[in-house]
Amino acid sequence: MENLVVASKVKALIKKSGEMNTSASAIEELSKLVENHCMTAIENARKSKRKTVMDRDFHE
């Protein structure tokens, strides 16, 4: 699976905020979560008969 997040940015945030390291599997899992949320948002936009995914599509 292709990473959908910038691993270096995620690792830096976790290091800065939690003083912890980040495993490669954590990045993979985060990418899966992002993909799932995007797919849900796409479906929500389709239900609203739009071709543009909007911020609100992630919350419906």
N, C-alpha and C. Protein backbone atom coordinates (compact mmCIF):
# COMPACT_ATOMS: atom_id res chain seq x y z
N MET A 1 0.84 -1.19 0.00
CA MET A 1 0.00 0.00 0.00
C MET A 1 0.88 1.24 0.00
N GLU A 2 0.45 2.22 -0.73
CA GLU A 2 1.14 3.50 -0.81
C GLU A 2 0.85 4.33 0.44
N ASN A 3 1.88 4.97 0.99
CA ASN A 3 1.67 5.85 2.14
C ASN A 3 0.92 7.10 1.71
N LEU A 4 -0.11 7.45 2.43
CA LEU A 4 -0.90 8.63 2.13
C LEU A 4 -0.59 9.78 3.08
N VAL A 5 0.36 9.56 3.95
CA VAL A 5 0.78 10.61 4.89
C VAL A 5 2.28 10.84 4.72
N VAL A 6 2.72 11.99 5.11
CA VAL A 6 4.15 12.30 5.08
C VAL A 6 4.75 11.75 6.37
N ALA A 7 5.44 10.63 6.22
CA ALA A 7 5.95 9.91 7.39
C ALA A 7 6.84 10.79 8.26
N SER A 8 7.70 11.58 7.64
CA SER A 8 8.62 12.41 8.42
C SER A 8 7.86 13.43 9.26
N LYS A 9 6.76 13.95 8.73
CA LYS A 9 5.96 14.93 9.49
C LYS A 9 5.25 14.26 10.66
N VAL A 10 4.71 13.07 10.42
CA VAL A 10 4.02 12.33 11.48
C VAL A 10 5.01 11.97 12.58
N LYS A 11 6.16 11.46 12.17
CA LYS A 11 7.19 11.07 13.14
C LYS A 11 7.65 12.28 13.95
N ALA A 12 7.81 13.42 13.29
CA ALA A 12 8.25 14.64 13.99
C ALA A 12 7.20 15.09 15.00
N LEU A 13 5.93 15.02 14.63
CA LEU A 13 4.86 15.40 15.55
C LEU A 13 4.84 14.50 16.77
N ILE A 14 4.93 13.20 16.55
CA ILE A 14 4.91 12.26 17.66
C ILE A 14 6.13 12.44 18.55
N LYS A 15 7.28 12.68 17.94
CA LYS A 15 8.51 12.89 18.70
C LYS A 15 8.40 14.16 19.54
N LYS A 16 7.90 15.24 18.92
CA LYS A 16 7.80 16.53 19.61
C LYS A 16 6.73 16.50 20.71
N SER A 17 5.58 15.92 20.40
CA SER A 17 4.46 15.96 21.34
C SER A 17 4.51 14.87 22.40
N GLY A 18 5.06 13.73 22.04
CA GLY A 18 5.03 12.62 22.98
C GLY A 18 6.38 12.06 23.35
N GLU A 19 7.43 12.65 22.75
CA GLU A 19 8.80 12.18 22.99
C GLU A 19 8.91 10.67 22.76
N MET A 20 8.28 10.21 21.66
CA MET A 20 8.27 8.80 21.33
C MET A 20 8.72 8.60 19.89
N ASN A 21 9.14 7.38 19.59
CA ASN A 21 9.47 6.99 18.23
C ASN A 21 8.21 6.45 17.56
N THR A 22 8.25 6.34 16.23
CA THR A 22 7.12 5.86 15.45
C THR A 22 7.55 4.70 14.58
N SER A 23 6.85 3.59 14.67
CA SER A 23 7.19 2.42 13.86
C SER A 23 6.64 2.58 12.44
N ALA A 24 7.22 1.83 11.51
CA ALA A 24 6.73 1.84 10.13
C ALA A 24 5.30 1.33 10.08
N SER A 25 4.97 0.37 10.92
CA SER A 25 3.61 -0.18 10.92
C SER A 25 2.58 0.86 11.38
N ALA A 26 3.00 1.79 12.23
CA ALA A 26 2.09 2.86 12.66
C ALA A 26 1.77 3.77 11.48
N ILE A 27 2.76 4.06 10.65
CA ILE A 27 2.55 4.89 9.46
C ILE A 27 1.62 4.17 8.49
N GLU A 28 1.81 2.88 8.31
CA GLU A 28 0.95 2.08 7.44
C GLU A 28 -0.49 2.11 7.93
N GLU A 29 -0.68 1.95 9.22
CA GLU A 29 -2.03 1.95 9.79
C GLU A 29 -2.69 3.31 9.64
N LEU A 30 -1.93 4.37 9.85
CA LEU A 30 -2.46 5.73 9.68
C LEU A 30 -2.87 5.95 8.22
N SER A 31 -2.09 5.44 7.28
CA SER A 31 -2.45 5.56 5.87
C SER A 31 -3.76 4.82 5.57
N LYS A 32 -3.96 3.68 6.18
CA LYS A 32 -5.21 2.93 6.01
C LYS A 32 -6.40 3.74 6.54
N LEU A 33 -6.20 4.38 7.70
CA LEU A 33 -7.26 5.21 8.27
C LEU A 33 -7.60 6.38 7.36
N VAL A 34 -6.57 7.01 6.82
CA VAL A 34 -6.79 8.14 5.89
C VAL A 34 -7.54 7.66 4.66
N GLU A 35 -7.13 6.52 4.11
CA GLU A 35 -7.81 5.97 2.93
C GLU A 35 -9.28 5.70 3.24
N ASN A 36 -9.56 5.08 4.36
CA ASN A 36 -10.95 4.78 4.73
C ASN A 36 -11.78 6.05 4.89
N HIS A 37 -11.22 7.06 5.51
CA HIS A 37 -11.94 8.33 5.68
C HIS A 37 -12.18 8.99 4.33
N CYS A 38 -11.21 8.92 3.45
CA CYS A 38 -11.38 9.50 2.11
C CYS A 38 -12.48 8.78 1.33
N MET A 39 -12.52 7.46 1.42
CA MET A 39 -13.54 6.70 0.71
C MET A 39 -14.94 7.04 1.25
N THR A 40 -15.05 7.21 2.55
CA THR A 40 -16.32 7.61 3.14
C THR A 40 -16.72 9.00 2.66
N ALA A 41 -15.77 9.91 2.62
CA ALA A 41 -16.04 11.28 2.16
C ALA A 41 -16.47 11.29 0.70
N ILE A 42 -15.85 10.45 -0.11
CA ILE A 42 -16.23 10.35 -1.53
C ILE A 42 -17.69 9.90 -1.64
N GLU A 43 -18.05 8.90 -0.89
CA GLU A 43 -19.43 8.41 -0.92
C GLU A 43 -20.41 9.48 -0.44
N ASN A 44 -20.03 10.22 0.58
CA ASN A 44 -20.90 11.30 1.08
C ASN A 44 -21.08 12.39 0.02
N ALA A 45 -20.03 12.71 -0.71
CA ALA A 45 -20.14 13.71 -1.78
C ALA A 45 -21.04 13.19 -2.89
N ARG A 46 -20.89 11.91 -3.24
CA ARG A 46 -21.75 11.32 -4.29
C ARG A 46 -23.22 11.34 -3.87
N LYS A 47 -23.48 11.03 -2.61
CA LYS A 47 -24.86 11.06 -2.12
C LYS A 47 -25.46 12.46 -2.22
N SER A 48 -24.60 13.46 -2.11
CA SER A 48 -25.05 14.85 -2.21
C SER A 48 -25.01 15.34 -3.66
N LYS A 49 -24.73 14.41 -4.58
CA LYS A 49 -24.70 14.71 -6.02
C LYS A 49 -23.67 15.79 -6.37
N ARG A 50 -22.50 15.68 -5.73
CA ARG A 50 -21.40 16.59 -6.01
C ARG A 50 -20.20 15.81 -6.54
N LYS A 51 -19.35 16.49 -7.26
CA LYS A 51 -18.10 15.90 -7.73
C LYS A 51 -16.91 16.47 -6.98
N THR A 52 -17.19 17.20 -5.94
CA THR A 52 -16.15 17.80 -5.11
C THR A 52 -16.31 17.30 -3.68
N VAL A 53 -15.24 16.74 -3.14
CA VAL A 53 -15.24 16.33 -1.73
C VAL A 53 -14.97 17.57 -0.89
N MET A 54 -15.81 17.80 0.08
CA MET A 54 -15.69 18.97 0.94
C MET A 54 -15.42 18.55 2.37
N ASP A 55 -15.02 19.50 3.17
CA ASP A 55 -14.71 19.20 4.57
C ASP A 55 -15.86 18.52 5.28
N ARG A 56 -17.07 18.94 4.99
CA ARG A 56 -18.24 18.36 5.66
C ARG A 56 -18.44 16.89 5.32
N ASP A 57 -17.91 16.43 4.19
CA ASP A 57 -18.05 15.02 3.81
C ASP A 57 -17.30 14.08 4.73
N PHE A 58 -16.34 14.60 5.44
CA PHE A 58 -15.58 13.78 6.39
C PHE A 58 -16.32 13.62 7.72
N HIS A 59 -17.37 14.44 7.93
CA HIS A 59 -18.08 14.44 9.22
C HIS A 59 -19.47 13.86 9.15
N GLU A 60 -19.93 13.51 7.97
CA GLU A 60 -21.31 13.00 7.83
C GLU A 60 -21.39 11.56 8.21
